Each structure stands twice: as C-alpha cells, then as structure tokens.
C-alpha cells in the first residue's frame, strides 16, 4: 500500500491528535513491507520529496525489483536515513556511480572522463580527527556478495592516505560505521 502525499499528511494529523480510524489508513505506507520480504525498517517508507524516498517507495508497488538490485536499494536507504536523521552529515555525503551495465561507447566515455574501477560507492567529505573523509564500498548483504581486487586496492590506498575506508555489507553495517565516524548516536 502506498499513501498519496495528501493521505500521508492526513495520517500524520490523525496521529498527532490521537485519532485512528482503525482501518487501512491507520498503518504506515510500508506496514506490510517485511511481510513481502523487504528488509528495511518502517522509516524507509516515510514520504519525502527526495529521489531516495521515491526509489524506496517504488518497492512497495514492485517488491520483486529488490532482488536484482539489493545494493542499489540499500544505498538508497542509507541516503534516505541520513537525509531524515542527520541532514548535517547528508549535505557532505554523495555517491560515485562506478558500477552498472554500460555499453562499450558509454563506458569508454566515462573512463576517459576519469571513472576508475573499484572506487568506493559512498563518499563523505567531512574531515574528522585524523581522517580527511570517509569512503564506503557497499555490497549487498548476502553470502553471494563479492569484492574485487580493484575494490580492495582502493580501500587500502585510501586508508594509507588518511581516509577511513571500509567495505560494508548492507545498510545495517554502513550506517553505524558512518555514524561512528561522525561521532553521533
């Protein structure tokens, strides 16, 4: 079930006033998400006018798309989480789109423009303590996830140059690492 923006505002208003009609509208948009196999917490389904929120809410309509794109949706949730709970961190957080199926011409164009294979997916350009910034290589959270030699090379290289660089398997590992780096609970 997905709420329209108007329905969601009505839901929030009824919650603030302590009212509930006891029907389907009393549930958050993603109340059945775990029943259909989506691994994200309830806050993933809160409506925000952001690309991260829109991508996550699209899963409620077509949950099967998760299984071919686990890494993508975990990354969407990471950005959604920081946008909602830590906007001060979110403003320095960005993605490097190194992966993806591309044609030969497009891949050549990106390589000539500076794309480098294996560079981490998520960057946080916020110096903290001894570190210049944070880099996270995100992998899907299952036993089939693998890392390449190029990814390991980048992690080692970035760590040697004063960055906190690591590999995380899913949002469950990435979010606590980023929060710890930033010194937030």
N, C-alpha and C. Protein backbone atom coordinates (compact mmCIF):
# COMPACT_ATOMS: atom_id res chain seq x y z
N UNK A 1 0.85 -1.18 0.00
CA UNK A 1 0.00 0.00 0.00
C UNK A 1 0.89 1.23 0.00
N UNK A 2 0.52 2.23 -0.76
CA UNK A 2 1.25 3.48 -0.80
C UNK A 2 0.28 4.62 -0.59
N UNK A 3 0.62 5.54 0.31
CA UNK A 3 -0.19 6.72 0.54
C UNK A 3 0.17 7.78 -0.47
N UNK A 4 -0.83 8.54 -0.87
CA UNK A 4 -0.52 9.77 -1.60
C UNK A 4 0.00 10.76 -0.56
N UNK A 5 0.58 11.84 -1.02
CA UNK A 5 1.08 12.84 -0.09
C UNK A 5 -0.04 13.37 0.80
N UNK A 6 -1.22 13.59 0.20
CA UNK A 6 -2.38 14.09 0.94
C UNK A 6 -2.83 13.07 2.00
N UNK A 7 -2.90 11.79 1.64
CA UNK A 7 -3.29 10.75 2.59
C UNK A 7 -2.28 10.63 3.71
N UNK A 8 -1.00 10.77 3.38
CA UNK A 8 0.05 10.67 4.40
C UNK A 8 -0.06 11.82 5.40
N UNK A 9 -0.30 13.03 4.90
CA UNK A 9 -0.48 14.18 5.79
C UNK A 9 -1.69 13.97 6.69
N UNK A 10 -2.78 13.40 6.15
CA UNK A 10 -3.97 13.12 6.97
C UNK A 10 -3.65 12.09 8.04
N UNK A 11 -2.86 11.09 7.67
CA UNK A 11 -2.43 10.07 8.63
C UNK A 11 -1.63 10.72 9.76
N UNK A 12 -0.65 11.55 9.43
CA UNK A 12 0.16 12.21 10.45
C UNK A 12 -0.69 13.10 11.34
N UNK A 13 -1.63 13.82 10.75
CA UNK A 13 -2.50 14.69 11.51
C UNK A 13 -3.34 13.89 12.51
N UNK A 14 -3.89 12.75 12.07
CA UNK A 14 -4.70 11.93 12.98
C UNK A 14 -3.85 11.35 14.10
N UNK A 15 -2.59 11.03 13.82
CA UNK A 15 -1.69 10.52 14.86
C UNK A 15 -1.38 11.60 15.89
N UNK A 16 -1.16 12.85 15.42
CA UNK A 16 -0.87 13.96 16.33
C UNK A 16 -2.05 14.24 17.24
N UNK A 17 -3.27 14.03 16.73
CA UNK A 17 -4.48 14.29 17.50
C UNK A 17 -4.94 13.06 18.28
N UNK A 18 -4.18 11.97 18.16
CA UNK A 18 -4.53 10.75 18.89
C UNK A 18 -5.69 10.00 18.31
N UNK A 19 -6.03 10.26 17.05
CA UNK A 19 -7.15 9.60 16.41
C UNK A 19 -6.66 8.49 15.51
N UNK A 20 -7.50 7.50 15.34
CA UNK A 20 -7.22 6.45 14.37
C UNK A 20 -8.54 5.86 13.94
N UNK A 21 -8.68 5.67 12.64
CA UNK A 21 -9.94 5.10 12.17
C UNK A 21 -9.93 3.58 12.25
N UNK A 22 -8.79 3.01 12.65
CA UNK A 22 -8.69 1.56 12.80
C UNK A 22 -8.65 0.80 11.50
N UNK A 23 -8.77 1.51 10.38
CA UNK A 23 -8.76 0.84 9.08
C UNK A 23 -7.39 0.82 8.46
N UNK A 24 -7.37 0.61 7.15
CA UNK A 24 -6.11 0.50 6.43
C UNK A 24 -5.30 1.79 6.52
N UNK A 25 -5.98 2.93 6.59
CA UNK A 25 -5.26 4.19 6.65
C UNK A 25 -4.56 4.41 7.98
N UNK A 26 -4.75 3.55 8.95
CA UNK A 26 -4.08 3.69 10.24
C UNK A 26 -2.67 3.14 10.21
N UNK A 27 -2.28 2.54 9.12
CA UNK A 27 -0.95 1.95 9.01
C UNK A 27 -0.04 2.85 8.20
N UNK A 28 1.24 2.77 8.49
CA UNK A 28 2.21 3.47 7.67
C UNK A 28 2.23 2.85 6.28
N UNK A 29 2.68 3.58 5.28
CA UNK A 29 2.67 3.05 3.92
C UNK A 29 3.39 1.71 3.78
N UNK A 30 4.43 1.49 4.53
CA UNK A 30 5.20 0.26 4.38
C UNK A 30 4.93 -0.77 5.46
N UNK A 31 3.77 -0.71 6.09
CA UNK A 31 3.47 -1.61 7.20
C UNK A 31 3.59 -3.08 6.81
N UNK A 32 3.35 -3.42 5.55
CA UNK A 32 3.44 -4.81 5.11
C UNK A 32 4.76 -5.14 4.45
N UNK A 33 5.71 -4.21 4.47
CA UNK A 33 6.98 -4.39 3.75
C UNK A 33 7.73 -5.63 4.21
N UNK A 34 7.79 -5.86 5.51
CA UNK A 34 8.52 -7.03 5.99
C UNK A 34 7.80 -8.32 5.63
N UNK A 35 6.48 -8.27 5.53
CA UNK A 35 5.73 -9.45 5.13
C UNK A 35 6.05 -9.86 3.70
N UNK A 36 6.40 -8.88 2.87
CA UNK A 36 6.70 -9.21 1.47
C UNK A 36 8.21 -9.33 1.23
N UNK A 37 9.00 -9.39 2.30
CA UNK A 37 10.42 -9.69 2.18
C UNK A 37 11.35 -8.52 2.01
N UNK A 38 10.91 -7.31 2.27
CA UNK A 38 11.80 -6.15 2.17
C UNK A 38 12.45 -5.91 3.54
N UNK A 39 13.77 -5.78 3.57
CA UNK A 39 14.49 -5.79 4.85
C UNK A 39 14.66 -4.43 5.53
N UNK A 40 13.92 -3.43 5.12
CA UNK A 40 14.15 -2.09 5.64
C UNK A 40 13.20 -1.78 6.80
N UNK A 41 13.64 -0.92 7.72
CA UNK A 41 12.76 -0.52 8.83
C UNK A 41 11.63 0.38 8.36
N UNK A 42 10.65 0.59 9.23
CA UNK A 42 9.45 1.36 8.87
C UNK A 42 9.76 2.77 8.37
N UNK A 43 10.84 3.38 8.88
CA UNK A 43 11.13 4.75 8.45
C UNK A 43 11.53 4.84 6.97
N UNK A 44 11.82 3.72 6.35
CA UNK A 44 12.14 3.72 4.92
C UNK A 44 10.95 4.13 4.08
N UNK A 45 9.75 3.98 4.62
CA UNK A 45 8.53 4.21 3.84
C UNK A 45 7.91 5.56 4.12
N UNK A 46 8.59 6.41 4.88
CA UNK A 46 8.06 7.75 5.13
C UNK A 46 8.26 8.59 3.87
N UNK A 47 7.22 9.30 3.48
CA UNK A 47 7.28 10.08 2.25
C UNK A 47 8.14 11.31 2.45
N UNK A 48 9.07 11.51 1.53
CA UNK A 48 9.88 12.73 1.44
C UNK A 48 10.02 13.02 -0.04
N UNK A 49 10.14 14.27 -0.34
CA UNK A 49 10.30 14.65 -1.75
C UNK A 49 11.78 14.56 -2.11
N UNK A 50 12.28 13.33 -2.15
CA UNK A 50 13.68 13.10 -2.49
C UNK A 50 13.77 11.87 -3.39
N UNK A 51 14.81 11.78 -4.18
CA UNK A 51 14.95 10.60 -5.04
C UNK A 51 15.13 9.32 -4.24
N UNK A 52 15.72 9.43 -3.05
CA UNK A 52 15.93 8.23 -2.22
C UNK A 52 14.59 7.68 -1.75
N UNK A 53 13.75 8.57 -1.24
CA UNK A 53 12.43 8.18 -0.76
C UNK A 53 11.58 7.62 -1.90
N UNK A 54 11.61 8.26 -3.03
CA UNK A 54 10.80 7.81 -4.17
C UNK A 54 11.24 6.42 -4.62
N UNK A 55 12.55 6.17 -4.63
CA UNK A 55 13.04 4.85 -5.04
C UNK A 55 12.60 3.78 -4.04
N UNK A 56 12.67 4.10 -2.75
CA UNK A 56 12.25 3.12 -1.74
C UNK A 56 10.74 2.86 -1.81
N UNK A 57 9.97 3.92 -1.97
CA UNK A 57 8.51 3.74 -2.05
C UNK A 57 8.09 2.96 -3.29
N UNK A 58 8.90 3.02 -4.34
CA UNK A 58 8.58 2.24 -5.55
C UNK A 58 8.64 0.74 -5.26
N UNK A 59 9.42 0.36 -4.24
CA UNK A 59 9.49 -1.06 -3.87
C UNK A 59 8.17 -1.61 -3.36
N UNK A 60 7.36 -0.73 -2.76
CA UNK A 60 6.08 -1.21 -2.24
C UNK A 60 5.14 -1.60 -3.37
N UNK A 61 5.31 -0.99 -4.52
CA UNK A 61 4.49 -1.35 -5.68
C UNK A 61 5.04 -2.59 -6.38
N UNK A 62 6.38 -2.70 -6.42
CA UNK A 62 7.02 -3.81 -7.14
C UNK A 62 8.16 -4.38 -6.30
N UNK A 63 7.86 -5.11 -5.23
CA UNK A 63 8.91 -5.61 -4.34
C UNK A 63 9.88 -6.57 -5.01
N UNK A 64 9.49 -7.20 -6.10
CA UNK A 64 10.38 -8.14 -6.78
C UNK A 64 11.62 -7.44 -7.35
N UNK A 65 11.54 -6.12 -7.60
CA UNK A 65 12.69 -5.41 -8.14
C UNK A 65 13.85 -5.36 -7.14
N UNK A 66 13.59 -5.59 -5.88
CA UNK A 66 14.64 -5.59 -4.86
C UNK A 66 15.70 -6.66 -5.14
N UNK A 67 15.27 -7.83 -5.56
CA UNK A 67 16.19 -8.96 -5.65
C UNK A 67 17.24 -8.84 -6.74
N UNK A 68 17.02 -8.05 -7.74
CA UNK A 68 18.04 -7.82 -8.74
C UNK A 68 18.85 -6.56 -8.48
N UNK A 69 18.46 -5.81 -7.43
CA UNK A 69 19.07 -4.50 -7.16
C UNK A 69 19.29 -4.26 -5.67
N UNK A 70 19.66 -5.28 -4.94
CA UNK A 70 19.80 -5.13 -3.49
C UNK A 70 20.76 -4.02 -3.09
N UNK A 71 21.92 -3.99 -3.71
CA UNK A 71 22.92 -2.97 -3.37
C UNK A 71 22.36 -1.57 -3.61
N UNK A 72 21.68 -1.39 -4.72
CA UNK A 72 21.09 -0.09 -5.04
C UNK A 72 20.11 0.36 -3.96
N UNK A 73 19.20 -0.52 -3.55
CA UNK A 73 18.18 -0.11 -2.58
C UNK A 73 18.76 0.06 -1.18
N UNK A 74 19.80 -0.69 -0.84
CA UNK A 74 20.46 -0.45 0.45
C UNK A 74 21.13 0.92 0.43
N UNK A 75 21.72 1.28 -0.69
CA UNK A 75 22.34 2.59 -0.81
C UNK A 75 21.28 3.69 -0.75
N UNK A 76 20.14 3.49 -1.40
CA UNK A 76 19.04 4.45 -1.31
C UNK A 76 18.62 4.65 0.14
N UNK A 77 18.53 3.55 0.89
CA UNK A 77 18.12 3.68 2.29
C UNK A 77 19.16 4.43 3.11
N UNK A 78 20.44 4.20 2.85
CA UNK A 78 21.49 4.92 3.58
C UNK A 78 21.33 6.43 3.37
N UNK A 79 21.15 6.84 2.12
CA UNK A 79 21.00 8.26 1.85
C UNK A 79 19.69 8.80 2.43
N UNK A 80 18.63 8.03 2.35
CA UNK A 80 17.34 8.42 2.95
C UNK A 80 17.52 8.61 4.46
N UNK A 81 18.17 7.68 5.11
CA UNK A 81 18.38 7.73 6.56
C UNK A 81 19.11 9.02 6.96
N UNK A 82 20.21 9.31 6.28
CA UNK A 82 20.98 10.49 6.66
C UNK A 82 20.25 11.78 6.29
N UNK A 83 19.48 11.77 5.22
CA UNK A 83 18.70 12.95 4.88
C UNK A 83 17.67 13.24 5.98
N UNK A 84 17.04 12.20 6.50
CA UNK A 84 15.99 12.35 7.52
C UNK A 84 16.56 12.68 8.89
N UNK A 85 17.55 11.90 9.35
CA UNK A 85 18.01 11.98 10.73
C UNK A 85 19.26 12.83 10.95
N UNK A 86 20.08 12.98 9.94
CA UNK A 86 21.33 13.72 10.10
C UNK A 86 21.61 14.58 8.86
N UNK A 87 20.78 15.61 8.63
CA UNK A 87 20.98 16.44 7.44
C UNK A 87 22.34 17.14 7.41
N UNK A 88 22.92 17.36 8.58
CA UNK A 88 24.25 17.98 8.64
C UNK A 88 25.31 17.05 8.04
N UNK A 89 25.14 15.76 8.17
CA UNK A 89 26.04 14.78 7.55
C UNK A 89 25.65 14.59 6.09
N UNK A 90 24.36 14.50 5.85
CA UNK A 90 23.84 14.26 4.50
C UNK A 90 24.38 15.25 3.48
N UNK A 91 24.54 16.51 3.88
CA UNK A 91 24.98 17.52 2.92
C UNK A 91 26.38 17.26 2.38
N UNK A 92 27.18 16.43 3.06
CA UNK A 92 28.54 16.11 2.60
C UNK A 92 28.65 14.68 2.06
N UNK A 93 27.54 13.97 2.01
CA UNK A 93 27.50 12.57 1.60
C UNK A 93 27.10 12.49 0.13
N UNK A 94 27.85 11.72 -0.66
CA UNK A 94 27.49 11.57 -2.07
C UNK A 94 27.91 10.21 -2.60
N UNK A 95 27.36 9.86 -3.74
CA UNK A 95 27.64 8.57 -4.37
C UNK A 95 28.53 8.76 -5.59
N UNK A 96 29.35 7.75 -5.85
CA UNK A 96 30.16 7.71 -7.07
C UNK A 96 29.64 6.56 -7.90
N UNK A 97 28.98 6.83 -9.00
CA UNK A 97 28.36 5.77 -9.80
C UNK A 97 29.36 5.05 -10.71
N UNK A 98 30.19 4.22 -10.11
CA UNK A 98 31.19 3.50 -10.90
C UNK A 98 30.65 2.22 -11.52
N UNK A 99 29.68 1.61 -10.90
CA UNK A 99 29.18 0.31 -11.38
C UNK A 99 28.06 0.51 -12.38
N UNK A 100 27.57 -0.58 -12.88
CA UNK A 100 26.42 -0.55 -13.76
C UNK A 100 26.73 -1.08 -15.13
N UNK A 101 25.71 -1.60 -15.75
CA UNK A 101 25.85 -2.13 -17.11
C UNK A 101 25.84 -0.96 -18.08
N UNK A 102 26.92 -0.82 -18.79
CA UNK A 102 27.03 0.26 -19.76
C UNK A 102 27.53 -0.31 -21.08
N UNK A 103 27.13 0.33 -22.13
CA UNK A 103 27.64 -0.06 -23.43
C UNK A 103 29.11 0.33 -23.56
N UNK A 104 29.75 -0.23 -24.57
CA UNK A 104 31.18 0.00 -24.78
C UNK A 104 31.49 1.49 -24.98
N UNK A 105 30.68 2.19 -25.74
CA UNK A 105 30.91 3.60 -26.01
C UNK A 105 30.75 4.42 -24.73
N UNK A 106 29.67 4.18 -24.00
CA UNK A 106 29.42 4.93 -22.75
C UNK A 106 30.52 4.64 -21.73
N UNK A 107 30.92 3.39 -21.59
CA UNK A 107 31.99 3.04 -20.65
C UNK A 107 33.29 3.75 -21.05
N UNK A 108 33.61 3.75 -22.33
CA UNK A 108 34.81 4.44 -22.80
C UNK A 108 34.76 5.93 -22.53
N UNK A 109 33.59 6.51 -22.74
CA UNK A 109 33.41 7.94 -22.47
C UNK A 109 33.63 8.25 -21.00
N UNK A 110 33.06 7.42 -20.10
CA UNK A 110 33.23 7.65 -18.66
C UNK A 110 34.67 7.41 -18.21
N UNK A 111 35.31 6.38 -18.75
CA UNK A 111 36.72 6.13 -18.39
C UNK A 111 37.60 7.29 -18.83
N UNK A 112 37.34 7.81 -20.01
CA UNK A 112 38.15 8.94 -20.48
C UNK A 112 37.90 10.20 -19.65
N UNK A 113 36.75 10.28 -19.01
CA UNK A 113 36.43 11.43 -18.16
C UNK A 113 36.91 11.25 -16.72
N UNK A 114 37.52 10.09 -16.41
CA UNK A 114 38.09 9.92 -15.07
C UNK A 114 37.49 8.83 -14.22
N UNK A 115 36.51 8.09 -14.71
CA UNK A 115 35.95 6.97 -13.96
C UNK A 115 37.05 5.96 -13.65
N UNK A 116 37.11 5.48 -12.42
CA UNK A 116 38.13 4.50 -12.04
C UNK A 116 37.45 3.30 -11.40
N UNK A 117 37.70 2.15 -11.98
CA UNK A 117 37.08 0.91 -11.49
C UNK A 117 37.50 0.64 -10.06
N UNK A 118 36.53 0.21 -9.25
CA UNK A 118 36.80 -0.20 -7.89
C UNK A 118 36.71 0.89 -6.85
N UNK A 119 36.58 2.17 -7.29
CA UNK A 119 36.49 3.26 -6.31
C UNK A 119 35.22 3.06 -5.48
N UNK A 120 35.27 3.34 -4.18
CA UNK A 120 34.11 3.12 -3.31
C UNK A 120 32.84 3.86 -3.75
N UNK A 121 31.70 3.28 -3.39
CA UNK A 121 30.39 3.77 -3.80
C UNK A 121 29.96 5.05 -3.10
N UNK A 122 30.29 5.17 -1.82
CA UNK A 122 29.79 6.26 -0.99
C UNK A 122 30.97 7.05 -0.44
N UNK A 123 30.87 8.37 -0.54
CA UNK A 123 31.91 9.25 -0.01
C UNK A 123 31.27 10.25 0.95
N UNK A 124 32.01 10.55 2.00
CA UNK A 124 31.62 11.58 2.96
C UNK A 124 32.81 12.52 3.08
N UNK A 125 32.69 13.69 2.49
CA UNK A 125 33.78 14.65 2.53
C UNK A 125 33.64 15.56 3.75
N UNK A 126 33.87 14.95 4.91
CA UNK A 126 33.82 15.64 6.18
C UNK A 126 35.02 15.15 6.99
N UNK A 127 36.05 15.99 7.13
CA UNK A 127 37.20 15.54 7.92
C UNK A 127 36.83 15.40 9.40
N UNK A 128 37.30 14.33 10.02
CA UNK A 128 37.05 14.09 11.43
C UNK A 128 38.34 13.55 12.05
N UNK A 129 38.83 14.23 13.08
CA UNK A 129 40.05 13.77 13.75
C UNK A 129 41.20 13.66 12.78
N UNK A 130 41.78 12.49 12.73
CA UNK A 130 42.94 12.24 11.86
C UNK A 130 42.57 11.96 10.41
N UNK A 131 41.27 11.83 10.11
CA UNK A 131 40.82 11.43 8.78
C UNK A 131 40.44 12.62 7.91
N UNK A 132 40.73 12.51 6.62
CA UNK A 132 40.35 13.52 5.64
C UNK A 132 38.89 13.38 5.21
N UNK A 133 38.35 12.18 5.33
CA UNK A 133 36.99 11.88 4.91
C UNK A 133 36.76 10.39 5.00
N UNK A 134 35.58 9.96 4.58
CA UNK A 134 35.18 8.55 4.67
C UNK A 134 34.82 8.04 3.29
N UNK A 135 35.16 6.79 3.02
CA UNK A 135 34.77 6.11 1.78
C UNK A 135 34.23 4.74 2.14
N UNK A 136 33.11 4.39 1.55
CA UNK A 136 32.45 3.11 1.83
C UNK A 136 32.16 2.38 0.53
N UNK A 137 32.67 1.18 0.42
CA UNK A 137 32.30 0.28 -0.67
C UNK A 137 31.13 -0.54 -0.16
N UNK A 138 29.97 -0.37 -0.75
CA UNK A 138 28.76 -1.04 -0.29
C UNK A 138 28.51 -2.29 -1.12
N UNK A 139 28.23 -3.38 -0.45
CA UNK A 139 27.88 -4.65 -1.08
C UNK A 139 26.52 -5.08 -0.56
N UNK A 140 25.85 -5.89 -1.35
CA UNK A 140 24.55 -6.41 -0.88
C UNK A 140 24.80 -7.33 0.31
N UNK A 141 23.84 -7.42 1.19
CA UNK A 141 24.03 -8.17 2.44
C UNK A 141 23.70 -9.66 2.32
N UNK A 142 24.38 -10.34 1.44
CA UNK A 142 24.15 -11.79 1.38
C UNK A 142 25.45 -12.51 1.08
N UNK A 143 25.42 -13.79 1.20
CA UNK A 143 26.62 -14.62 1.07
C UNK A 143 27.22 -14.59 -0.34
N UNK A 144 26.43 -14.18 -1.33
CA UNK A 144 26.94 -14.16 -2.70
C UNK A 144 27.69 -12.88 -3.05
N UNK A 145 27.66 -11.91 -2.17
CA UNK A 145 28.35 -10.64 -2.44
C UNK A 145 29.85 -10.86 -2.44
N UNK A 146 30.50 -10.32 -3.45
CA UNK A 146 31.95 -10.47 -3.56
C UNK A 146 32.59 -9.10 -3.77
N UNK A 147 33.85 -9.02 -3.42
CA UNK A 147 34.61 -7.80 -3.65
C UNK A 147 35.75 -8.11 -4.61
N UNK A 148 36.09 -7.13 -5.41
CA UNK A 148 37.13 -7.32 -6.41
C UNK A 148 38.50 -6.89 -5.88
N UNK A 149 39.53 -7.29 -6.58
CA UNK A 149 40.89 -6.85 -6.24
C UNK A 149 40.99 -5.34 -6.33
N UNK A 150 40.35 -4.75 -7.34
CA UNK A 150 40.40 -3.30 -7.51
C UNK A 150 39.73 -2.59 -6.33
N UNK A 151 38.64 -3.15 -5.82
CA UNK A 151 37.97 -2.56 -4.66
C UNK A 151 38.86 -2.63 -3.43
N UNK A 152 39.49 -3.77 -3.21
CA UNK A 152 40.41 -3.91 -2.07
C UNK A 152 41.59 -2.96 -2.22
N UNK A 153 42.09 -2.80 -3.44
CA UNK A 153 43.19 -1.88 -3.69
C UNK A 153 42.81 -0.46 -3.27
N UNK A 154 41.61 0.00 -3.69
CA UNK A 154 41.17 1.35 -3.35
C UNK A 154 41.02 1.52 -1.84
N UNK A 155 40.46 0.53 -1.17
CA UNK A 155 40.28 0.62 0.29
C UNK A 155 41.65 0.78 0.96
N UNK A 156 42.61 -0.06 0.58
CA UNK A 156 43.95 0.03 1.16
C UNK A 156 44.61 1.37 0.83
N UNK A 157 44.51 1.80 -0.42
CA UNK A 157 45.12 3.06 -0.84
C UNK A 157 44.54 4.25 -0.08
N UNK A 158 43.22 4.30 0.01
CA UNK A 158 42.57 5.41 0.70
C UNK A 158 42.90 5.41 2.20
N UNK A 159 42.92 4.23 2.82
CA UNK A 159 43.31 4.16 4.23
C UNK A 159 44.74 4.66 4.43
N UNK A 160 45.63 4.34 3.50
CA UNK A 160 47.03 4.77 3.63
C UNK A 160 47.19 6.28 3.43
N UNK A 161 46.20 6.93 2.84
CA UNK A 161 46.27 8.36 2.58
C UNK A 161 45.43 9.20 3.56
N UNK A 162 45.02 8.60 4.67
CA UNK A 162 44.33 9.36 5.71
C UNK A 162 42.82 9.39 5.62
N UNK A 163 42.24 8.48 4.86
CA UNK A 163 40.79 8.36 4.81
C UNK A 163 40.37 7.15 5.63
N UNK A 164 39.14 7.19 6.14
CA UNK A 164 38.57 5.99 6.72
C UNK A 164 37.82 5.31 5.59
N UNK A 165 38.35 4.17 5.14
CA UNK A 165 37.74 3.46 4.01
C UNK A 165 37.44 2.03 4.45
N UNK A 166 36.27 1.54 4.07
CA UNK A 166 35.85 0.21 4.50
C UNK A 166 34.83 -0.37 3.53
N UNK A 167 34.61 -1.66 3.68
CA UNK A 167 33.58 -2.37 2.92
C UNK A 167 32.46 -2.70 3.89
N UNK A 168 31.23 -2.41 3.49
CA UNK A 168 30.06 -2.71 4.32
C UNK A 168 29.10 -3.58 3.52
N UNK A 169 28.49 -4.52 4.19
CA UNK A 169 27.51 -5.41 3.57
C UNK A 169 26.12 -4.99 4.04
N UNK A 170 25.49 -4.14 3.24
CA UNK A 170 24.14 -3.67 3.55
C UNK A 170 24.14 -2.43 4.43
N UNK A 171 22.95 -1.82 4.50
CA UNK A 171 22.80 -0.61 5.31
C UNK A 171 23.06 -0.88 6.78
N UNK A 172 22.80 -2.12 7.24
CA UNK A 172 22.96 -2.45 8.65
C UNK A 172 24.41 -2.29 9.11
N UNK A 173 25.37 -2.48 8.21
CA UNK A 173 26.78 -2.26 8.55
C UNK A 173 27.22 -0.84 8.23
N UNK A 174 26.73 -0.29 7.13
CA UNK A 174 27.21 1.02 6.68
C UNK A 174 26.78 2.16 7.61
N UNK A 175 25.50 2.21 7.98
CA UNK A 175 25.01 3.34 8.78
C UNK A 175 25.73 3.45 10.12
N UNK A 176 25.89 2.36 10.89
CA UNK A 176 26.62 2.50 12.16
C UNK A 176 28.07 2.94 11.98
N UNK A 177 28.73 2.50 10.93
CA UNK A 177 30.11 2.92 10.66
C UNK A 177 30.18 4.42 10.37
N UNK A 178 29.27 4.90 9.54
CA UNK A 178 29.26 6.33 9.20
C UNK A 178 28.93 7.16 10.43
N UNK A 179 27.95 6.72 11.21
CA UNK A 179 27.59 7.44 12.43
C UNK A 179 28.75 7.45 13.43
N UNK A 180 29.41 6.32 13.58
CA UNK A 180 30.55 6.24 14.49
C UNK A 180 31.66 7.21 14.05
N UNK A 181 31.95 7.22 12.76
CA UNK A 181 32.95 8.11 12.20
C UNK A 181 32.62 9.55 12.56
N UNK A 182 31.34 9.93 12.48
CA UNK A 182 30.90 11.30 12.73
C UNK A 182 30.67 11.59 14.20
N UNK A 183 30.75 10.56 15.02
CA UNK A 183 30.56 10.75 16.47
C UNK A 183 29.12 11.02 16.87
N UNK A 184 28.16 10.42 16.15
CA UNK A 184 26.75 10.60 16.51
C UNK A 184 26.17 9.25 16.93
N UNK A 185 25.15 9.34 17.75
CA UNK A 185 24.47 8.13 18.25
C UNK A 185 23.43 7.66 17.27
